[in-house]
Amino acid sequence: MPAADGTPSPDTTPPASANAPEADASTTDPKRKGHGRNPASAYTGAERVPVSHEALHDKAACPACQRGKVYVLPPPAQLVRVRGMAPLVATVYELERLRCNACGEVFTAESPDGVGPEKYDETASTMIALLKYGSGLPWNRLERLQQGLGIPLPASTQWEIVRDAARRYAAVYSELIQQAANGQVLYNDDTTMKVLELDDPERRKELDTDGDFEGRTGVFTTGIVATKAQHQIALFFTGQKHAGENLTDLLAQRNTELAAPIQMCDGLSRNLPDEFATLLARCNAHARRKFIDVESSFPDEVRHVLETVAQVYRNDALAKERGLSAEERLRFHQTESAPLLQGLEKWFAEQIKARTIEPNSGLGDAIAHMTKHWDELTLFLRVPGAPLDNNLCERVLKKAILHRKTALFYKTLNGARVGDLFMSIIHTAELAKIDVFGYLVALQRHHEHVADNPAAWMPWNYSSALALITGPAAPD
């Protein structure tokens, strides 16, 4: 529908009839992919308001020809209108009070149905957690935003709200850890983090009762992604432990009857668990990066390596596109990718043997790294389900990196644990491609049911458990 100034409205979905008044030339033109406009169907969280025709109804006489009847034409024309509002809104209920002029007794109106005793409900704590741990918005920025919108929300209050809400998520968080421990593939890596409490050497000694971290000054956030039965679980752990030590703690909860999992990580030794065996796979993206770093000095040689690796990745993308099983993907790579990598391995050996490439050069170092870890880099040619790289875990760690860039630090280890809990649940829900807000609200509202059977409340199956309580038509 054209706007008041005559320009076409970009958020109008034209009806099927070209004669309808909402249609215009601009809306009938085909739009190229990536034009930046979202259709009405993309607004899954929007309120839907049915609007009946002001003068006609189904099977009424046609006012145009006076001969036929009009019938409802699905789907309806759709208009999208977006309003701005505060991230957290408030309602003030003014309860009428009456006082007796004889005895002085005061009578106050009851609060409306559905208004609970808590000032901040489940939706409030969920929104704060999503803004802080999902989008990286610091407490003080949200405080200033809310203050400017006339709905004050102090930073200290925000912390108290999410701290108290975290207790209701503990059962789901523990279940995620347990299921991740039994995963088939485990990705892990870490990034530096700052916890103010650990800046004090005396406080470090108090916390390190076993002396495990004596002489260690670093603080890290470890990201672990586990794949289990086609589901992906993202976990975060912040403290003085390296990625390998956190993975060791996770594998300590693994079912001993299960086979050793596939572990994907980069080449750092601190990413390896000391006490548990894994099928180690190295990251091809890291190995590839070493060649990119010297591309300007060795353009022809690097081009040969990159084109070979690119073809392997194209093969993997094709296997995913075809929906191949782990075993089918393995056979596909053995047929299509193995000859490419065998040729690359032979080319490496020839270059070094003929001294065409100096072993001490940047290119020689890149070749040496790939040759040294060849078995781990090519595990996907021998083991079903082995990934090519650790990019999935690195994408997960961006949540922790975003928090570090915006909030700069955690104040205490308890604050870090709360952050780890929320980021783990939020990002696991995002990987499951569900309504994260609705999921977090449902976990809080039904936390007693969740505690009884947390396995039924995972992001990929919670809707069934929710339907048993509220009915299939109830909103999350």
Protein backbone atom coordinates (compact mmCIF):
# COMPACT_ATOMS: atom_id res chain seq x y z
CA MET A 1 0.00 0.00 0.00
CA PRO A 2 1.46 3.40 -0.88
CA ALA A 3 2.35 5.67 1.99
CA ALA A 4 0.77 9.07 2.50
CA ASP A 5 3.47 10.75 0.46
CA GLY A 6 2.91 8.41 -2.51
CA THR A 7 5.99 6.22 -1.94
CA PRO A 8 5.46 2.45 -1.87
CA SER A 9 5.35 0.76 1.51
CA PRO A 10 8.18 -1.83 1.73
CA ASP A 11 6.48 -4.00 4.32
CA THR A 12 3.25 -4.71 2.46
CA THR A 13 2.65 -8.18 1.06
CA PRO A 14 0.49 -7.67 -2.08
CA PRO A 15 -2.68 -9.73 -2.50
CA ALA A 16 -3.06 -12.17 -5.34
CA SER A 17 -5.31 -9.85 -7.35
CA ALA A 18 -3.55 -7.13 -9.31
CA ASN A 19 -6.70 -5.01 -9.07
CA ALA A 20 -6.62 -4.81 -5.29
CA PRO A 21 -5.95 -1.30 -4.00
CA GLU A 22 -2.86 -2.33 -2.02
CA ALA A 23 -0.95 -3.43 -5.12
CA ASP A 24 1.39 -1.12 -7.00
CA ALA A 25 4.15 -1.43 -9.57
CA SER A 26 6.95 -1.50 -7.04
CA THR A 27 5.51 -4.44 -5.08
CA THR A 28 4.98 -6.58 -8.17
CA ASP A 29 8.58 -6.33 -9.33
CA PRO A 30 10.61 -9.42 -8.43
CA LYS A 31 13.23 -8.76 -5.74
CA ARG A 32 16.68 -10.22 -6.01
CA LYS A 33 17.92 -12.47 -3.23
CA GLY A 34 19.46 -10.49 -0.40
CA HIS A 35 17.52 -7.29 -1.08
CA GLY A 36 17.29 -6.74 2.68
CA ARG A 37 13.51 -6.77 3.15
CA ASN A 38 11.81 -9.24 5.44
CA PRO A 39 8.44 -10.75 4.48
CA ALA A 40 5.58 -10.75 6.97
CA SER A 41 6.20 -14.47 7.59
CA ALA A 42 9.60 -13.62 9.09
CA TYR A 43 7.94 -11.83 12.02
CA THR A 44 7.20 -14.99 13.98
CA GLY A 45 7.09 -13.16 17.29
CA ALA A 46 4.68 -10.47 16.14
CA GLU A 47 1.12 -10.11 17.36
CA ARG A 48 -1.38 -11.22 14.69
CA VAL A 49 -4.50 -9.06 14.35
CA PRO A 50 -7.19 -10.29 11.90
CA VAL A 51 -8.99 -7.41 10.16
CA SER A 52 -12.35 -8.04 8.45
CA HIS A 53 -13.44 -6.10 5.42
CA GLU A 54 -15.35 -3.01 6.45
CA ALA A 55 -18.27 -3.56 4.07
CA LEU A 56 -18.15 -7.13 2.68
CA HIS A 57 -18.35 -10.61 4.08
CA ASP A 58 -17.97 -14.13 2.70
CA LYS A 59 -20.54 -14.99 -0.02
CA ALA A 60 -21.85 -11.41 -0.18
CA ALA A 61 -22.96 -9.93 -3.51
CA CYS A 62 -20.16 -8.40 -5.56
CA PRO A 63 -20.50 -4.59 -5.48
CA ALA A 64 -18.53 -4.27 -8.75
CA CYS A 65 -20.47 -6.49 -11.19
CA GLN A 66 -23.66 -7.06 -9.18
CA ARG A 67 -23.79 -10.61 -10.60
CA GLY A 68 -21.41 -12.77 -8.61
CA LYS A 69 -20.57 -13.39 -4.99
CA VAL A 70 -17.33 -12.61 -3.17
CA TYR A 71 -15.45 -15.32 -1.32
CA VAL A 72 -12.61 -15.12 1.22
CA LEU A 73 -9.30 -15.25 -0.64
CA PRO A 74 -6.43 -16.85 1.29
CA PRO A 75 -3.89 -15.81 2.28
CA PRO A 76 -4.90 -12.38 3.56
CA ALA A 77 -2.99 -9.24 2.57
CA GLN A 78 -0.52 -8.46 5.31
CA LEU A 79 0.75 -5.17 6.72
CA VAL A 80 3.70 -5.08 9.10
CA ARG A 81 3.94 -2.14 11.48
CA VAL A 82 6.84 -1.97 13.92
CA ARG A 83 6.68 0.10 17.11
CA GLY A 84 9.50 1.14 19.40
CA MET A 85 9.35 0.38 23.10
CA ALA A 86 11.62 -0.10 26.08
CA PRO A 87 13.34 -3.50 26.42
CA LEU A 88 11.54 -3.80 29.75
CA VAL A 89 8.16 -2.13 30.19
CA ALA A 90 6.28 -1.50 33.41
CA THR A 91 2.65 -1.24 34.45
CA VAL A 92 1.60 0.73 37.54
CA TYR A 93 -1.63 -0.58 39.04
CA GLU A 94 -3.34 2.16 41.03
CA LEU A 95 -5.42 0.30 43.61
CA GLU A 96 -8.28 2.38 44.89
CA ARG A 97 -8.37 2.87 48.68
CA LEU A 98 -11.38 3.77 50.79
CA ARG A 99 -11.39 4.79 54.46
CA CYS A 100 -14.25 4.74 56.91
CA ASN A 101 -14.84 8.15 58.46
CA ALA A 102 -16.04 6.51 61.66
CA CYS A 103 -13.54 3.76 62.50
CA GLY A 104 -10.72 4.74 60.15
CA GLU A 105 -10.49 1.30 58.56
CA VAL A 106 -8.86 1.43 55.09
CA PHE A 107 -10.09 -0.87 52.32
CA THR A 108 -7.78 -1.39 49.30
CA ALA A 109 -8.83 -2.88 45.99
CA GLU A 110 -7.47 -6.32 45.10
CA SER A 111 -4.86 -6.53 42.36
CA PRO A 112 -6.21 -7.74 38.97
CA ASP A 113 -6.17 -11.43 38.10
CA GLY A 114 -2.85 -12.59 36.77
CA VAL A 115 -0.79 -9.93 38.57
CA GLY A 116 1.64 -11.91 40.69
CA PRO A 117 3.39 -10.84 43.88
CA GLU A 118 6.80 -10.36 42.23
CA LYS A 119 7.81 -6.97 40.89
CA TYR A 120 9.94 -8.54 38.15
CA ASP A 121 8.39 -11.57 36.46
CA GLU A 122 9.95 -14.33 34.36
CA THR A 123 9.85 -12.28 31.18
CA ALA A 124 11.81 -9.45 32.85
CA SER A 125 14.65 -11.67 34.06
CA THR A 126 14.71 -13.44 30.70
CA MET A 127 15.00 -10.19 28.76
CA ILE A 128 17.80 -8.92 31.01
CA ALA A 129 19.69 -12.21 30.64
CA LEU A 130 19.30 -12.20 26.85
CA LEU A 131 20.51 -8.62 26.56
CA LYS A 132 23.47 -9.20 28.87
CA TYR A 133 24.63 -12.71 28.05
CA GLY A 134 23.09 -13.14 24.62
CA SER A 135 23.77 -9.73 23.06
CA GLY A 136 26.61 -8.42 25.24
CA LEU A 137 24.79 -5.33 26.55
CA PRO A 138 26.48 -4.25 29.82
CA TRP A 139 24.44 -3.53 32.93
CA ASN A 140 25.23 0.19 32.94
CA ARG A 141 24.18 0.69 29.31
CA LEU A 142 20.84 -0.97 29.89
CA GLU A 143 20.45 1.14 33.04
CA ARG A 144 20.96 4.36 31.05
CA LEU A 145 18.61 3.20 28.30
CA GLN A 146 15.84 2.31 30.74
CA GLN A 147 16.34 5.55 32.67
CA GLY A 148 15.93 7.57 29.49
CA LEU A 149 12.68 5.72 28.74
CA GLY A 150 11.21 6.47 32.16
CA ILE A 151 11.43 2.91 33.51
CA PRO A 152 14.45 2.85 35.88
CA LEU A 153 16.38 -0.39 36.20
CA PRO A 154 19.63 0.00 38.20
CA ALA A 155 22.60 -2.16 37.28
CA SER A 156 22.71 -3.69 40.77
CA THR A 157 19.04 -4.67 40.44
CA GLN A 158 19.70 -6.31 37.07
CA TRP A 159 22.41 -8.46 38.61
CA GLU A 160 20.20 -9.50 41.53
CA ILE A 161 17.41 -10.48 39.14
CA VAL A 162 19.55 -12.75 36.93
CA ARG A 163 21.43 -14.16 39.92
CA ASP A 164 18.18 -15.28 41.53
CA ALA A 165 16.77 -16.54 38.21
CA ALA A 166 19.90 -18.63 37.59
CA ARG A 167 18.90 -21.00 40.38
CA ARG A 168 15.83 -22.04 38.40
CA TYR A 169 18.00 -23.03 35.43
CA ALA A 170 20.46 -25.14 37.43
CA ALA A 171 18.78 -28.46 36.60
CA VAL A 172 18.79 -27.82 32.85
CA TYR A 173 22.40 -26.61 32.94
CA SER A 174 23.50 -29.79 34.77
CA GLU A 175 21.59 -31.91 32.26
CA LEU A 176 23.28 -30.12 29.35
CA ILE A 177 26.67 -30.88 30.88
CA GLN A 178 25.75 -34.55 31.39
CA GLN A 179 24.49 -34.98 27.85
CA ALA A 180 27.51 -33.15 26.42
CA ALA A 181 29.82 -35.52 28.31
CA ASN A 182 28.25 -38.40 26.38
CA GLY A 183 28.52 -36.70 23.00
CA GLN A 184 30.05 -38.29 19.91
CA VAL A 185 32.13 -35.25 18.88
CA LEU A 186 33.59 -32.67 21.28
CA TYR A 187 34.99 -29.35 20.07
CA ASN A 188 36.98 -27.25 22.55
CA ASP A 189 39.02 -24.06 22.68
CA ASP A 190 39.45 -21.15 25.07
CA THR A 191 39.92 -17.39 25.14
CA THR A 192 41.29 -15.08 27.80
CA MET A 193 38.91 -13.51 30.30
CA LYS A 194 39.22 -11.13 33.24
CA VAL A 195 37.78 -11.78 36.71
CA LEU A 196 38.52 -8.95 39.14
CA GLU A 197 38.39 -11.25 42.13
CA LEU A 198 41.39 -13.16 40.77
CA ASP A 199 43.49 -10.01 40.37
CA ASP A 200 44.21 -10.18 44.09
CA PRO A 201 47.08 -12.68 44.73
CA GLU A 202 45.87 -13.36 48.26
CA ARG A 203 42.39 -14.14 47.03
CA ARG A 204 43.85 -16.47 44.42
CA LYS A 205 45.61 -18.42 47.18
CA GLU A 206 42.40 -18.67 49.20
CA LEU A 207 40.51 -20.06 46.22
CA ASP A 208 43.30 -22.45 45.17
CA THR A 209 42.98 -24.76 48.17
CA ASP A 210 44.67 -27.69 46.37
CA GLY A 211 47.52 -25.69 44.88
CA ASP A 212 46.52 -26.67 41.34
CA PHE A 213 47.05 -23.17 39.95
CA GLU A 214 50.19 -22.14 41.79
CA GLY A 215 52.20 -19.78 39.61
CA ARG A 216 49.39 -19.50 37.06
CA THR A 217 48.12 -15.98 36.41
CA GLY A 218 45.90 -16.47 33.38
CA VAL A 219 42.09 -16.60 33.44
CA PHE A 220 40.17 -18.20 30.59
CA THR A 221 36.71 -18.91 29.27
CA THR A 222 36.58 -22.36 27.70
CA GLY A 223 34.04 -23.12 25.03
CA ILE A 224 33.02 -26.75 24.49
CA VAL A 225 30.53 -27.83 21.84
CA ALA A 226 29.26 -31.40 21.89
CA THR A 227 27.24 -33.12 19.20
CA LYS A 228 24.92 -35.83 20.44
CA ALA A 229 22.25 -37.52 18.34
CA GLN A 230 22.30 -34.67 15.79
CA HIS A 231 21.90 -32.06 18.54
CA GLN A 232 24.56 -29.50 19.46
CA ILE A 233 25.27 -28.43 23.05
CA ALA A 234 27.35 -25.33 23.81
CA LEU A 235 29.04 -25.00 27.21
CA PHE A 236 31.11 -22.22 28.78
CA PHE A 237 33.48 -22.50 31.76
CA THR A 238 35.32 -19.47 33.15
CA GLY A 239 38.23 -19.68 35.58
CA GLN A 240 41.90 -20.56 35.79
CA LYS A 241 41.56 -23.91 34.03
CA HIS A 242 42.63 -24.37 30.41
CA ALA A 243 40.40 -25.93 27.77
CA GLY A 244 41.98 -29.36 28.23
CA GLU A 245 41.42 -29.30 31.99
CA ASN A 246 37.77 -28.33 31.57
CA LEU A 247 37.38 -31.09 29.00
CA THR A 248 38.87 -33.52 31.51
CA ASP A 249 36.25 -32.51 34.07
CA LEU A 250 33.53 -33.01 31.48
CA LEU A 251 34.77 -36.44 30.38
CA ALA A 252 34.88 -37.54 34.04
CA GLN A 253 31.06 -37.59 33.82
CA ARG A 254 31.03 -39.67 30.63
CA ASN A 255 29.40 -43.07 30.54
CA THR A 256 32.30 -45.53 30.77
CA GLU A 257 30.56 -47.95 28.39
CA LEU A 258 30.78 -45.46 25.52
CA ALA A 259 33.65 -45.44 23.06
CA ALA A 260 36.17 -42.62 23.13
CA PRO A 261 34.73 -39.45 21.59
CA ILE A 262 36.17 -37.54 18.66
CA GLN A 263 37.88 -34.39 19.89
CA MET A 264 38.36 -31.41 17.56
CA CYS A 265 40.74 -28.64 18.60
CA ASP A 266 43.64 -26.59 17.30
CA GLY A 267 47.31 -27.46 17.79
CA LEU A 268 47.75 -26.15 21.37
CA SER A 269 48.73 -28.88 23.82
CA ARG A 270 46.71 -27.25 26.62
CA ASN A 271 43.51 -28.19 24.77
CA LEU A 272 44.10 -31.92 25.34
CA PRO A 273 42.61 -33.83 28.29
CA ASP A 274 45.33 -35.56 30.32
CA GLU A 275 43.34 -38.39 31.86
CA PHE A 276 41.02 -39.51 29.07
CA ALA A 277 41.62 -40.90 25.60
CA THR A 278 40.01 -39.23 22.61
CA LEU A 279 40.17 -39.64 18.85
CA LEU A 280 42.08 -36.44 18.16
CA ALA A 281 41.24 -34.36 15.09
CA ARG A 282 43.11 -31.17 14.28
CA CYS A 283 41.65 -28.04 12.73
CA ASN A 284 42.22 -27.71 8.98
CA ALA A 285 41.18 -24.05 9.14
CA HIS A 286 44.14 -23.31 11.44
CA ALA A 287 46.52 -25.20 9.16
CA ARG A 288 45.15 -23.34 6.13
CA ARG A 289 45.63 -20.01 7.92
CA LYS A 290 49.36 -20.58 8.17
CA PHE A 291 49.57 -20.72 4.38
CA ILE A 292 47.46 -17.60 3.98
CA ASP A 293 49.91 -15.72 6.22
CA VAL A 294 52.75 -16.29 3.71
CA GLU A 295 50.72 -15.99 0.51
CA SER A 296 52.35 -12.69 -0.52
CA SER A 297 55.83 -14.28 -0.43
CA PHE A 298 54.92 -17.62 -2.06
CA PRO A 299 51.83 -16.93 -4.21
CA ASP A 300 52.07 -19.90 -6.60
CA GLU A 301 52.85 -22.52 -3.98
CA VAL A 302 50.22 -21.23 -1.57
CA ARG A 303 47.62 -21.10 -4.33
CA HIS A 304 48.18 -24.81 -5.02
CA VAL A 305 47.62 -25.69 -1.34
CA LEU A 306 44.59 -23.45 -0.93
CA GLU A 307 42.88 -24.75 -4.06
CA THR A 308 43.35 -28.33 -2.88
CA VAL A 309 41.97 -27.60 0.58
CA ALA A 310 39.08 -25.62 -0.95
CA GLN A 311 38.07 -28.63 -3.03
CA VAL A 312 38.00 -30.78 0.13
CA TYR A 313 35.70 -28.24 1.76
CA ARG A 314 33.49 -28.20 -1.32
CA ASN A 315 33.22 -31.97 -1.07
CA ASP A 316 32.19 -31.67 2.59
CA ALA A 317 29.59 -29.03 1.74
CA LEU A 318 28.23 -31.27 -1.01
CA ALA A 319 27.96 -34.18 1.43
CA LYS A 320 26.00 -31.96 3.82
CA GLU A 321 23.78 -30.71 1.01
CA ARG A 322 22.95 -34.27 0.02
CA GLY A 323 22.13 -35.17 3.63
CA LEU A 324 24.63 -38.03 3.75
CA SER A 325 24.94 -40.07 6.92
CA ALA A 326 28.27 -40.18 8.77
CA GLU A 327 29.23 -43.44 7.07
CA GLU A 328 28.14 -42.21 3.62
CA ARG A 329 30.06 -38.97 4.16
CA LEU A 330 33.16 -41.00 5.08
CA ARG A 331 32.95 -43.08 1.89
CA PHE A 332 32.36 -39.94 -0.18
CA HIS A 333 35.47 -38.26 1.23
CA GLN A 334 37.52 -41.42 0.77
CA THR A 335 36.54 -41.40 -2.90
CA GLU A 336 36.69 -37.68 -3.65
CA SER A 337 38.99 -36.05 -1.07
CA ALA A 338 41.54 -38.75 -0.26
CA PRO A 339 43.26 -38.59 -3.71
CA LEU A 340 43.53 -34.79 -3.40
CA LEU A 341 45.16 -34.94 0.00
CA GLN A 342 47.44 -37.81 -0.96
CA GLY A 343 48.65 -35.72 -3.86
CA LEU A 344 49.19 -32.74 -1.54
CA GLU A 345 51.14 -34.84 0.94
CA LYS A 346 53.34 -36.13 -1.89
CA TRP A 347 53.86 -32.57 -3.16
CA PHE A 348 54.98 -31.45 0.32
CA ALA A 349 57.58 -34.21 0.48
CA GLU A 350 58.87 -33.43 -3.01
CA GLN A 351 59.29 -29.73 -2.28
CA ILE A 352 61.25 -30.34 0.89
CA LYS A 353 63.36 -33.14 -0.60
CA ALA A 354 64.26 -31.08 -3.67
CA ARG A 355 64.88 -28.05 -1.41
CA THR A 356 62.58 -26.03 -3.63
CA ILE A 357 61.22 -24.62 -0.39
CA GLU A 358 63.52 -23.68 2.48
CA PRO A 359 62.40 -25.62 5.59
CA ASN A 360 63.10 -22.61 7.81
CA SER A 361 60.98 -20.23 5.72
CA GLY A 362 57.41 -19.25 6.51
CA LEU A 363 56.11 -21.64 3.88
CA GLY A 364 58.36 -24.40 5.18
CA ASP A 365 56.99 -23.84 8.66
CA ALA A 366 53.40 -24.08 7.36
CA ILE A 367 54.23 -27.32 5.55
CA ALA A 368 55.98 -28.72 8.63
CA HIS A 369 52.93 -27.97 10.79
CA MET A 370 50.56 -29.71 8.38
CA THR A 371 52.89 -32.67 7.92
CA LYS A 372 53.43 -33.10 11.66
CA HIS A 373 49.68 -33.25 12.33
CA TRP A 374 48.73 -35.03 9.10
CA ASP A 375 46.98 -37.97 10.76
CA GLU A 376 44.88 -35.69 12.98
CA LEU A 377 44.10 -33.31 10.11
CA THR A 378 42.85 -36.17 7.94
CA LEU A 379 40.92 -38.09 10.62
CA PHE A 380 37.73 -37.43 8.64
CA LEU A 381 39.08 -39.83 5.99
CA ARG A 382 39.13 -42.71 8.48
CA VAL A 383 36.49 -42.08 11.18
CA PRO A 384 32.77 -41.45 10.50
CA GLY A 385 31.59 -38.08 11.76
CA ALA A 386 35.02 -36.51 12.24
CA PRO A 387 34.82 -32.78 11.42
CA LEU A 388 37.20 -30.79 9.25
CA ASP A 389 37.76 -27.83 11.54
CA ASN A 390 37.02 -26.19 14.88
CA ASN A 391 35.03 -23.28 13.44
CA LEU A 392 31.88 -24.29 15.32
CA CYS A 393 33.60 -23.86 18.68
CA GLU A 394 35.23 -20.60 17.62
CA ARG A 395 31.82 -19.19 16.67
CA VAL A 396 30.50 -20.19 20.10
CA LEU A 397 33.42 -18.46 21.84
CA LYS A 398 32.46 -15.19 20.16
CA LYS A 399 29.77 -14.83 22.84
CA ALA A 400 32.45 -14.78 25.53
CA ILE A 401 34.63 -12.47 23.43
CA LEU A 402 31.68 -10.10 22.94
CA HIS A 403 31.14 -10.02 26.70
CA ARG A 404 34.84 -9.28 27.24
CA LYS A 405 34.78 -6.41 24.75
CA THR A 406 31.66 -4.75 26.11
CA ALA A 407 31.59 -5.52 29.84
CA LEU A 408 35.40 -5.91 30.11
CA PHE A 409 35.31 -8.34 33.05
CA TYR A 410 33.41 -10.39 35.60
CA LYS A 411 33.59 -9.02 39.13
CA THR A 412 33.63 -12.39 40.91
CA LEU A 413 33.84 -16.07 40.09
CA ASN A 414 30.20 -16.40 41.12
CA GLY A 415 29.32 -13.77 38.53
CA ALA A 416 31.33 -15.75 35.98
CA ARG A 417 29.45 -18.93 36.85
CA VAL A 418 26.11 -17.17 36.35
CA GLY A 419 27.35 -15.87 32.99
CA ASP A 420 28.53 -19.34 31.96
CA LEU A 421 25.14 -20.82 32.82
CA PHE A 422 23.14 -18.29 30.84
CA MET A 423 25.47 -18.27 27.83
CA SER A 424 25.44 -22.08 27.72
CA ILE A 425 21.64 -22.30 27.74
CA ILE A 426 21.13 -19.33 25.41
CA HIS A 427 23.61 -20.47 22.77
CA THR A 428 22.47 -24.10 22.91
CA ALA A 429 18.93 -22.86 22.29
CA GLU A 430 20.19 -20.73 19.39
CA LEU A 431 21.94 -23.75 17.88
CA ALA A 432 18.62 -25.61 18.13
CA LYS A 433 16.99 -22.74 16.18
CA ILE A 434 14.12 -22.22 18.61
CA ASP A 435 12.49 -19.19 20.21
CA VAL A 436 15.12 -18.53 22.88
CA PHE A 437 13.02 -16.03 24.82
CA GLY A 438 10.02 -18.35 24.97
CA TYR A 439 12.26 -21.24 26.02
CA LEU A 440 13.87 -19.36 28.91
CA VAL A 441 10.50 -18.11 30.12
CA ALA A 442 9.05 -21.63 30.02
CA LEU A 443 11.97 -23.02 32.05
CA GLN A 444 11.37 -20.44 34.77
CA ARG A 445 7.60 -20.70 34.89
CA HIS A 446 7.73 -24.49 35.15
CA HIS A 447 10.99 -24.87 37.05
CA GLU A 448 9.52 -27.45 39.45
CA HIS A 449 8.57 -29.73 36.53
CA VAL A 450 11.98 -29.06 34.96
CA ALA A 451 13.77 -30.13 38.14
CA ASP A 452 11.83 -33.42 38.19
CA ASN A 453 12.85 -34.37 34.62
CA PRO A 454 15.36 -31.95 33.06
CA ALA A 455 16.06 -34.30 30.13
CA ALA A 456 12.53 -33.60 28.87
CA TRP A 457 13.23 -29.87 28.84
CA MET A 458 16.13 -29.69 26.43
CA PRO A 459 15.81 -27.01 23.70
CA TRP A 460 14.97 -29.61 21.04
CA ASN A 461 12.21 -31.44 22.96
CA TYR A 462 10.82 -29.07 25.61
CA SER A 463 7.72 -28.19 23.56
CA SER A 464 6.31 -31.68 24.18
CA ALA A 465 6.82 -31.39 27.94
CA LEU A 466 5.29 -27.91 27.90
CA ALA A 467 2.25 -29.12 25.97
CA LEU A 468 1.55 -31.75 28.64
CA ILE A 469 1.27 -28.96 31.20
CA THR A 470 -0.34 -26.08 29.34
CA GLY A 471 -1.92 -27.79 26.35
CA PRO A 472 -0.63 -27.77 22.73
CA ALA A 473 -2.17 -24.39 21.90
CA ALA A 474 -0.65 -22.52 24.85
CA PRO A 475 2.10 -20.02 24.09
CA ASP A 476 5.63 -20.58 25.32
